PDB file of N, CA and C in Angstrom:
ATOM      1  N   UNK A   1       6.842 -12.144  11.984  1.00  0.00           N
ATOM      2  CA  UNK A   1       7.204 -11.326  10.788  1.00  0.00           C
ATOM      3  C   UNK A   1       7.353  -9.728  11.380  1.00  0.00           C
ATOM      4  N   UNK A   2       8.535  -9.450  10.518  1.00  0.00           N
ATOM      5  CA  UNK A   2       9.398  -8.234  10.735  1.00  0.00           C
ATOM      6  C   UNK A   2       8.387  -7.162  10.053  1.00  0.00           C
ATOM      7  N   UNK A   3       8.930  -5.712  10.796  1.00  0.00           N
ATOM      8  CA  UNK A   3       8.013  -4.482  10.628  1.00  0.00           C
ATOM      9  C   UNK A   3       7.693  -4.592   8.766  1.00  0.00           C
ATOM     10  N   UNK A   4       8.979  -4.617   8.449  1.00  0.00           N
ATOM     11  CA  UNK A   4       8.654  -4.255   6.341  1.00  0.00           C
ATOM     12  C   UNK A   4       7.729  -5.115   5.839  1.00  0.00           C
ATOM     13  N   UNK A   5       7.832  -6.676   6.142  1.00  0.00           N
ATOM     14  CA  UNK A   5       7.105  -7.658   5.863  1.00  0.00           C
ATOM     15  C   UNK A   5       5.540  -7.265   6.482  1.00  0.00           C
ATOM     16  N   UNK A   6       5.410  -6.997   7.655  1.00  0.00           N
ATOM     17  CA  UNK A   6       3.874  -6.491   7.599  1.00  0.00           C
ATOM     18  C   UNK A   6       3.265  -5.155   7.366  1.00  0.00           C
ATOM     19  N   UNK A   7       4.254  -4.169   7.005  1.00  0.00           N
ATOM     20  CA  UNK A   7       3.860  -3.062   5.928  1.00  0.00           C
ATOM     21  C   UNK A   7       3.376  -3.696   4.837  1.00  0.00           C
ATOM     22  N   UNK A   8       4.321  -3.896   4.105  1.00  0.00           N
ATOM     23  CA  UNK A   8       3.679  -5.015   2.814  1.00  0.00           C
ATOM     24  C   UNK A   8       2.337  -5.700   2.654  1.00  0.00           C
ATOM     25  N   UNK A   9       2.484  -6.337   3.576  1.00  0.00           N
ATOM     26  CA  UNK A   9       1.066  -7.305   4.077  1.00  0.00           C
ATOM     27  C   UNK A   9      -0.008  -6.318   4.117  1.00  0.00           C
ATOM     28  N   UNK A  10      -0.299  -5.188   4.490  1.00  0.00           N
ATOM     29  CA  UNK A  10      -1.128  -4.031   4.329  1.00  0.00           C
ATOM     30  C   UNK A  10      -1.455  -3.890   2.893  1.00  0.00           C
ATOM     31  N   UNK A  11       0.111  -3.521   2.088  1.00  0.00           N
ATOM     32  CA  UNK A  11      -0.109  -3.173   0.770  1.00  0.00           C
ATOM     33  C   UNK A  11      -1.086  -4.198  -0.058  1.00  0.00           C
ATOM     34  N   UNK A  12      -0.624  -5.336   0.250  1.00  0.00           N
ATOM     35  CA  UNK A  12      -1.024  -6.457  -0.638  1.00  0.00           C
ATOM     36  C   UNK A  12      -2.393  -7.035  -0.122  1.00  0.00           C
ATOM     37  N   UNK A  13      -2.770  -6.429   0.614  1.00  0.00           N
ATOM     38  CA  UNK A  13      -4.027  -6.799   1.236  1.00  0.00           C
ATOM     39  C   UNK A  13      -4.937  -5.557   0.262  1.00  0.00           C
ATOM     40  N   UNK A  14      -4.828  -4.906  -0.222  1.00  0.00           N
ATOM     41  CA  UNK A  14      -5.469  -3.673  -0.726  1.00  0.00           C
ATOM     42  C   UNK A  14      -4.922  -4.325  -2.174  1.00  0.00           C
ATOM     43  N   UNK A  15      -4.208  -4.622  -2.713  1.00  0.00           N
ATOM     44  CA  UNK A  15      -3.670  -5.269  -4.065  1.00  0.00           C
ATOM     45  C   UNK A  15      -4.698  -6.148  -4.219  1.00  0.00           C
ATOM     46  N   UNK A  16      -4.734  -7.405  -3.561  1.00  0.00           N
ATOM     47  CA  UNK A  16      -5.457  -8.571  -3.902  1.00  0.00           C
ATOM     48  C   UNK A  16      -7.168  -8.371  -3.572  1.00  0.00           C
ATOM     49  N   UNK A  17      -7.379  -7.437  -3.025  1.00  0.00           N
ATOM     50  CA  UNK A  17      -9.018  -6.873  -2.977  1.00  0.00           C
ATOM     51  C   UNK A  17      -9.259  -6.314  -4.250  1.00  0.00           C
ATOM     52  N   UNK A  18      -8.330  -5.543  -5.036  1.00  0.00           N
ATOM     53  CA  UNK A  18      -8.909  -4.698  -5.985  1.00  0.00           C
ATOM     54  C   UNK A  18      -8.044  -5.382  -7.633  1.00  0.00           C
ATOM     55  N   UNK A  19      -7.297  -6.093  -7.251  1.00  0.00           N
ATOM     56  CA  UNK A  19      -6.334  -6.571  -8.446  1.00  0.00           C
ATOM     57  C   UNK A  19      -7.469  -6.740  -9.679  1.00  0.00           C
ATOM     58  N   UNK A  20      -8.858  -7.692  -9.181  1.00  0.00           N
ATOM     59  CA  UNK A  20      -9.290  -8.036 -10.251  1.00  0.00           C
ATOM     60  C   UNK A  20     -10.184  -6.558 -11.059  1.00  0.00           C
ATOM     61  N   UNK A  21      -9.949  -5.407 -10.147  1.00  0.00           N
ATOM     62  CA  UNK A  21     -10.947  -4.394 -11.540  1.00  0.00           C
ATOM     63  C   UNK A  21      -9.895  -3.183 -11.510  1.00  0.00           C
ATOM     64  N   UNK A  22      -8.299  -3.158 -11.567  1.00  0.00           N
ATOM     65  CA  UNK A  22      -7.879  -2.741 -12.203  1.00  0.00           C
ATOM     66  C   UNK A  22      -6.732  -3.427 -12.398  1.00  0.00           C
ATOM     67  N   UNK A  23      -7.035  -3.449 -14.550  1.00  0.00           N
ATOM     68  CA  UNK A  23      -5.918  -3.683 -15.119  1.00  0.00           C
ATOM     69  C   UNK A  23      -4.369  -3.483 -15.481  1.00  0.00           C
ATOM     70  N   UNK A  24      -3.677  -4.334 -15.233  1.00  0.00           N
ATOM     71  CA  UNK A  24      -1.970  -4.185 -15.189  1.00  0.00           C
ATOM     72  C   UNK A  24      -2.020  -3.086 -14.324  1.00  0.00           C
ATOM     73  N   UNK A  25      -2.839  -3.166 -12.894  1.00  0.00           N
ATOM     74  CA  UNK A  25      -2.204  -2.788 -11.506  1.00  0.00           C
ATOM     75  C   UNK A  25      -0.941  -2.964 -11.371  1.00  0.00           C
ATOM     76  N   UNK A  26       0.487  -2.251 -10.876  1.00  0.00           N
ATOM     77  CA  UNK A  26       1.690  -2.838 -10.312  1.00  0.00           C
ATOM     78  C   UNK A  26       2.063  -2.578  -9.063  1.00  0.00           C
ATOM     79  N   UNK A  27       0.947  -2.289  -8.367  1.00  0.00           N
ATOM     80  CA  UNK A  27       1.177  -1.766  -6.949  1.00  0.00           C
ATOM     81  C   UNK A  27       1.923  -2.742  -6.062  1.00  0.00           C
ATOM     82  N   UNK A  28       1.747  -3.747  -6.426  1.00  0.00           N
ATOM     83  CA  UNK A  28       2.166  -5.235  -5.808  1.00  0.00           C
ATOM     84  C   UNK A  28       4.009  -5.057  -6.197  1.00  0.00           C
ATOM     85  N   UNK A  29       4.176  -5.362  -7.323  1.00  0.00           N
ATOM     86  CA  UNK A  29       5.766  -5.049  -7.878  1.00  0.00           C
ATOM     87  C   UNK A  29       6.199  -3.971  -7.869  1.00  0.00           C
ATOM     88  N   UNK A  30       5.623  -2.606  -7.376  1.00  0.00           N
ATOM     89  CA  UNK A  30       6.374  -1.275  -7.032  1.00  0.00           C
ATOM     90  C   UNK A  30       6.488  -1.681  -5.647  1.00  0.00           C
ATOM     91  N   UNK A  31       5.645  -1.916  -4.932  1.00  0.00           N
ATOM     92  CA  UNK A  31       5.682  -2.102  -3.201  1.00  0.00           C
ATOM     93  C   UNK A  31       6.914  -2.962  -3.081  1.00  0.00           C
ATOM     94  N   UNK A  32       7.173  -3.957  -3.582  1.00  0.00           N
ATOM     95  CA  UNK A  32       7.935  -5.139  -2.821  1.00  0.00           C
ATOM     96  C   UNK A  32       9.354  -4.485  -3.693  1.00  0.00           C
ATOM     97  N   UNK A  33       9.447  -4.136  -4.881  1.00  0.00           N
ATOM     98  CA  UNK A  33      10.545  -2.962  -5.040  1.00  0.00           C
ATOM     99  C   UNK A  33      10.946  -2.325  -4.075  1.00  0.00           C
ATOM    100  N   UNK A  34      10.190  -1.347  -3.773  1.00  0.00           N
ATOM    101  CA  UNK A  34      10.329  -0.219  -2.562  1.00  0.00           C
ATOM    102  C   UNK A  34      11.010  -0.635  -1.374  1.00  0.00           C
ATOM    103  N   UNK A  35      10.241  -1.821  -1.045  1.00  0.00           N
ATOM    104  CA  UNK A  35      10.769  -2.412   0.233  1.00  0.00           C
ATOM    105  C   UNK A  35      12.446  -3.223   0.614  1.00  0.00           C
ATOM    106  N   UNK A  36      12.208  -3.626  -0.828  1.00  0.00           N
ATOM    107  CA  UNK A  36      13.910  -4.362  -1.379  1.00  0.00           C
ATOM    108  C   UNK A  36      14.834  -3.631  -1.533  1.00  0.00           C
ATOM    109  N   UNK A  37      14.702  -2.357  -1.896  1.00  0.00           N
ATOM    110  CA  UNK A  37      15.739  -1.122  -2.085  1.00  0.00           C
ATOM    111  C   UNK A  37      15.709  -0.339  -1.344  1.00  0.00           C
ATOM    112  N   UNK A  38      14.340  -0.011  -0.293  1.00  0.00           N
ATOM    113  CA  UNK A  38      14.573   1.088   0.689  1.00  0.00           C
ATOM    114  C   UNK A  38      14.464   0.678   1.993  1.00  0.00           C
ATOM    115  N   UNK A  39      14.168  -0.572   2.188  1.00  0.00           N
ATOM    116  CA  UNK A  39      13.587  -1.019   3.482  1.00  0.00           C
ATOM    117  C   UNK A  39      12.179  -0.297   4.196  1.00  0.00           C
ATOM    118  N   UNK A  40      11.720  -0.482   5.100  1.00  0.00           N
ATOM    119  CA  UNK A  40      10.669   0.034   5.700  1.00  0.00           C
ATOM    120  C   UNK A  40      10.249   1.270   5.479  1.00  0.00           C
ATOM    121  N   UNK A  41      11.826   2.506   5.640  1.00  0.00           N
ATOM    122  CA  UNK A  41      11.195   3.483   4.806  1.00  0.00           C
ATOM    123  C   UNK A  41      11.013   3.658   3.846  1.00  0.00           C
ATOM    124  N   UNK A  42      11.321   3.272   2.462  1.00  0.00           N
ATOM    125  CA  UNK A  42      11.494   3.344   1.440  1.00  0.00           C
ATOM    126  C   UNK A  42       9.909   2.856   1.083  1.00  0.00           C
ATOM    127  N   UNK A  43       9.271   1.867   1.567  1.00  0.00           N
ATOM    128  CA  UNK A  43       8.163   1.139   1.381  1.00  0.00           C
ATOM    129  C   UNK A  43       6.990   2.536   1.951  1.00  0.00           C
ATOM    130  N   UNK A  44       7.282   2.683   3.203  1.00  0.00           N
ATOM    131  CA  UNK A  44       6.526   4.447   3.772  1.00  0.00           C
ATOM    132  C   UNK A  44       6.594   5.381   2.327  1.00  0.00           C
ATOM    133  N   UNK A  45       7.933   5.845   2.132  1.00  0.00           N
ATOM    134  CA  UNK A  45       7.662   6.654   0.993  1.00  0.00           C
ATOM    135  C   UNK A  45       7.084   6.259  -0.478  1.00  0.00           C
ATOM    136  N   UNK A  46       7.256   5.062  -0.650  1.00  0.00           N
ATOM    137  CA  UNK A  46       6.414   4.532  -1.810  1.00  0.00           C
ATOM    138  C   UNK A  46       4.318   4.525  -1.627  1.00  0.00           C
ATOM    139  N   UNK A  47       4.250   4.830  -0.295  1.00  0.00           N
ATOM    140  CA  UNK A  47       3.004   4.364  -0.052  1.00  0.00           C
ATOM    141  C   UNK A  47       2.574   5.554   0.125  1.00  0.00           C
ATOM    142  N   UNK A  48       3.213   6.754   0.564  1.00  0.00           N
ATOM    143  CA  UNK A  48       2.956   8.384   0.925  1.00  0.00           C
ATOM    144  C   UNK A  48       2.736   8.609  -1.030  1.00  0.00           C
ATOM    145  N   UNK A  49       3.579   8.433  -1.565  1.00  0.00           N
ATOM    146  CA  UNK A  49       3.717   8.950  -2.658  1.00  0.00           C
ATOM    147  C   UNK A  49       2.344   8.575  -3.748  1.00  0.00           C
ATOM    148  N   UNK A  50       2.002   7.091  -3.417  1.00  0.00           N
ATOM    149  CA  UNK A  50       0.850   6.523  -3.826  1.00  0.00           C
ATOM    150  C   UNK A  50      -0.652   7.188  -3.641  1.00  0.00           C
ATOM    151  N   UNK A  51      -0.699   7.915  -2.556  1.00  0.00           N
ATOM    152  CA  UNK A  51      -1.389   8.597  -1.593  1.00  0.00           C
ATOM    153  C   UNK A  51      -1.857  10.163  -2.457  1.00  0.00           C
ATOM    154  N   UNK A  52      -0.530  10.878  -2.808  1.00  0.00           N
ATOM    155  CA  UNK A  52      -0.903  12.168  -3.414  1.00  0.00           C
ATOM    156  C   UNK A  52      -0.584  11.730  -4.644  1.00  0.00           C
ATOM    157  N   UNK A  53      -0.204  10.828  -5.667  1.00  0.00           N
ATOM    158  CA  UNK A  53      -0.191  10.276  -7.161  1.00  0.00           C
ATOM    159  C   UNK A  53      -1.636  10.429  -7.975  1.00  0.00           C
ATOM    160  N   UNK A  54      -1.308  10.168  -9.117  1.00  0.00           N
ATOM    161  CA  UNK A  54      -2.161  10.373  -9.862  1.00  0.00           C
ATOM    162  C   UNK A  54      -3.718   9.166  -9.699  1.00  0.00           C
ATOM    163  N   UNK A  55      -3.326   8.485  -8.083  1.00  0.00           N
ATOM    164  CA  UNK A  55      -4.115   7.452  -8.511  1.00  0.00           C
ATOM    165  C   UNK A  55      -5.943   7.413  -7.714  1.00  0.00           C
ATOM    166  N   UNK A  56      -6.063   8.572  -7.919  1.00  0.00           N
ATOM    167  CA  UNK A  56      -7.649   9.378  -7.443  1.00  0.00           C
ATOM    168  C   UNK A  56      -8.354   8.149  -8.350  1.00  0.00           C
ATOM    169  N   UNK A  57      -8.295   7.828  -9.667  1.00  0.00           N
ATOM    170  CA  UNK A  57      -9.340   6.998 -10.287  1.00  0.00           C
ATOM    171  C   UNK A  57      -9.017   5.652  -9.466  1.00  0.00           C
ATOM    172  N   UNK A  58      -8.332   5.058  -9.432  1.00  0.00           N
ATOM    173  CA  UNK A  58      -7.746   3.680  -8.660  1.00  0.00           C
ATOM    174  C   UNK A  58      -8.403   3.863  -7.398  1.00  0.00           C
ATOM    175  N   UNK A  59      -8.878   5.180  -6.645  1.00  0.00           N
ATOM    176  CA  UNK A  59      -9.190   5.153  -5.205  1.00  0.00           C
ATOM    177  C   UNK A  59     -10.890   5.172  -5.458  1.00  0.00           C
ATOM    178  N   UNK A  60     -11.395   5.395  -6.619  1.00  0.00           N
ATOM    179  CA  UNK A  60     -12.489   5.849  -6.892  1.00  0.00           C
ATOM    180  C   UNK A  60     -13.289   4.391  -7.579  1.00  0.00           C
ATOM    181  N   UNK A  61     -12.438   3.922  -8.216  1.00  0.00           N
ATOM    182  CA  UNK A  61     -12.932   2.487  -8.754  1.00  0.00           C
ATOM    183  C   UNK A  61     -12.894   1.823  -7.280  1.00  0.00           C
ATOM    184  N   UNK A  62     -12.013   1.594  -6.325  1.00  0.00           N
ATOM    185  CA  UNK A  62     -11.628   0.578  -5.372  1.00  0.00           C
ATOM    186  C   UNK A  62     -13.102   1.086  -4.464  1.00  0.00           C
ATOM    187  N   UNK A  63     -13.092   2.006  -4.043  1.00  0.00           N
ATOM    188  CA  UNK A  63     -14.387   2.689  -3.232  1.00  0.00           C
ATOM    189  C   UNK A  63     -15.845   2.150  -3.958  1.00  0.00           C
ATOM    190  N   UNK A  64     -15.841   2.495  -5.265  1.00  0.00           N
ATOM    191  CA  UNK A  64     -17.388   2.121  -5.659  1.00  0.00           C
ATOM    192  C   UNK A  64     -17.904   1.006  -5.703  1.00  0.00           C
ATOM    193  N   UNK A  65     -16.401  -0.479  -5.368  1.00  0.00           N
ATOM    194  CA  UNK A  65     -16.689  -1.829  -5.216  1.00  0.00           C
ATOM    195  C   UNK A  65     -16.666  -1.641  -3.709  1.00  0.00           C
ATOM    196  N   UNK A  66     -16.741  -1.037  -2.944  1.00  0.00           N
ATOM    197  CA  UNK A  66     -16.776  -1.246  -1.534  1.00  0.00           C
ATOM    198  C   UNK A  66     -15.419  -2.088  -1.519  1.00  0.00           C
ATOM    199  N   UNK A  67     -14.316  -2.132  -1.813  1.00  0.00           N
ATOM    200  CA  UNK A  67     -13.182  -2.390  -1.182  1.00  0.00           C
ATOM    201  C   UNK A  67     -11.878  -1.588  -0.823  1.00  0.00           C
ATOM    202  N   UNK A  68     -11.114  -2.260  -0.227  1.00  0.00           N
ATOM    203  CA  UNK A  68     -10.216  -1.428   0.616  1.00  0.00           C
ATOM    204  C   UNK A  68      -9.116  -0.854  -0.440  1.00  0.00           C
ATOM    205  N   UNK A  69      -8.779   0.298  -0.077  1.00  0.00           N
ATOM    206  CA  UNK A  69      -7.907   1.493  -0.619  1.00  0.00           C
ATOM    207  C   UNK A  69      -6.936   1.658   0.270  1.00  0.00           C
ATOM    208  N   UNK A  70      -5.853   2.165  -0.317  1.00  0.00           N
ATOM    209  CA  UNK A  70      -4.254   2.594   0.612  1.00  0.00           C
ATOM    210  C   UNK A  70      -5.022   3.912   1.745  1.00  0.00           C
ATOM    211  N   UNK A  71      -6.247   4.591   1.206  1.00  0.00           N
ATOM    212  CA  UNK A  71      -6.296   5.483   2.169  1.00  0.00           C
ATOM    213  C   UNK A  71      -6.946   5.076   3.131  1.00  0.00           C
ATOM    214  N   UNK A  72      -8.070   4.007   2.970  1.00  0.00           N
ATOM    215  CA  UNK A  72      -8.310   3.164   3.943  1.00  0.00           C
ATOM    216  C   UNK A  72      -7.892   2.721   5.216  1.00  0.00           C
ATOM    217  N   UNK A  73      -6.517   2.157   4.496  1.00  0.00           N
ATOM    218  CA  UNK A  73      -5.548   1.500   5.650  1.00  0.00           C
ATOM    219  C   UNK A  73      -4.711   1.941   5.619  1.00  0.00           C
ATOM    220  N   UNK A  74      -4.518   3.041   5.677  1.00  0.00           N
ATOM    221  CA  UNK A  74      -3.200   4.054   6.109  1.00  0.00           C
ATOM    222  C   UNK A  74      -2.894   3.973   7.585  1.00  0.00           C
ATOM    223  N   UNK A  75      -3.723   3.878   7.998  1.00  0.00           N
ATOM    224  CA  UNK A  75      -3.912   3.969   9.660  1.00  0.00           C
ATOM    225  C   UNK A  75      -2.954   3.131  10.202  1.00  0.00           C
ATOM    226  N   UNK A  76      -3.728   1.589   9.514  1.00  0.00           N
ATOM    227  CA  UNK A  76      -2.781   0.365  10.061  1.00  0.00           C
ATOM    228  C   UNK A  76      -1.901   0.447   9.700  1.00  0.00           C
ATOM    229  N   UNK A  77      -1.682   0.547   8.593  1.00  0.00           N
ATOM    230  CA  UNK A  77       0.053   1.037   7.462  1.00  0.00           C
ATOM    231  C   UNK A  77       1.080   1.332   8.643  1.00  0.00           C
ATOM    232  N   UNK A  78       0.715   2.692   8.938  1.00  0.00           N
ATOM    233  CA  UNK A  78       1.094   3.897   9.735  1.00  0.00           C
ATOM    234  C   UNK A  78       1.655   3.138  11.137  1.00  0.00           C
ATOM    235  N   UNK A  79       0.491   2.497  11.969  1.00  0.00           N
ATOM    236  CA  UNK A  79       0.813   2.370  12.988  1.00  0.00           C
ATOM    237  C   UNK A  79       1.915   0.624  12.961  1.00  0.00           C
ATOM    238  N   UNK A  80       2.082   0.299  11.890  1.00  0.00           N
ATOM    239  CA  UNK A  80       2.760  -0.936  11.926  1.00  0.00           C
ATOM    240  C   UNK A  80       4.157   0.002  11.925  1.00  0.00           C
ATOM    241  N   UNK A  81       4.479   0.380  10.904  1.00  0.00           N
ATOM    242  CA  UNK A  81       5.549   1.706  10.422  1.00  0.00           C
ATOM    243  C   UNK A  81       6.106   2.450  12.141  1.00  0.00           C
ATOM    244  N   UNK A  82       5.556   2.732  12.796  1.00  0.00           N
ATOM    245  CA  UNK A  82       5.515   3.939  13.725  1.00  0.00           C
ATOM    246  C   UNK A  82       5.597   3.130  14.759  1.00  0.00           C
ATOM    247  N   UNK A  83       4.768   2.014  15.085  1.00  0.00           N
ATOM    248  CA  UNK A  83       4.932   0.974  16.063  1.00  0.00           C
ATOM    249  C   UNK A  83       5.880   0.204  16.468  1.00  0.00           C
ATOM    250  N   UNK A  84       7.182   0.150  15.778  1.00  0.00           N
ATOM    251  CA  UNK A  84       8.336  -0.318  15.687  1.00  0.00           C
ATOM    252  C   UNK A  84       9.328   0.431  15.500  1.00  0.00           C
ATOM    253  N   UNK A  85       9.127   1.805  15.349  1.00  0.00           N
ATOM    254  CA  UNK A  85       9.929   2.936  15.629  1.00  0.00           C
ATOM    255  C   UNK A  85      10.239   2.942  16.938  1.00  0.00           C
ATOM    256  N   UNK A  86       9.273   2.684  18.066  1.00  0.00           N
ATOM    257  CA  UNK A  86       9.204   3.194  19.574  1.00  0.00           C
ATOM    258  C   UNK A  86      10.048   2.403  20.784  1.00  0.00           C
TER     259      UNK A  86
END
C-alpha cells in the first residue's frame, strides 16, 4: 500500500464509522479527489483544512456517539504522511 492510499484509508475509517450520522457527508468524495489531484500533499492539505473548517458540528456529533473523528485520527494520519517522507 502506498503512502497516499494509506492516508486515504485513515480518512475512510472515519467516514465509514460516521456516515450513518452525517447526512450528505462528502468527506469520502472530497478526500479521494484531493488525493487524485494533489497526491499525498493534497490530501494532507485537505485533511488539515477539515480540522480548521466549520466541521465542529461533525466532530461533536461523532464524539457524542463515541465514533472516530479526524481529530482523534490525526496522529495516525500524520505518522503515515511523515513516515514515508523520512
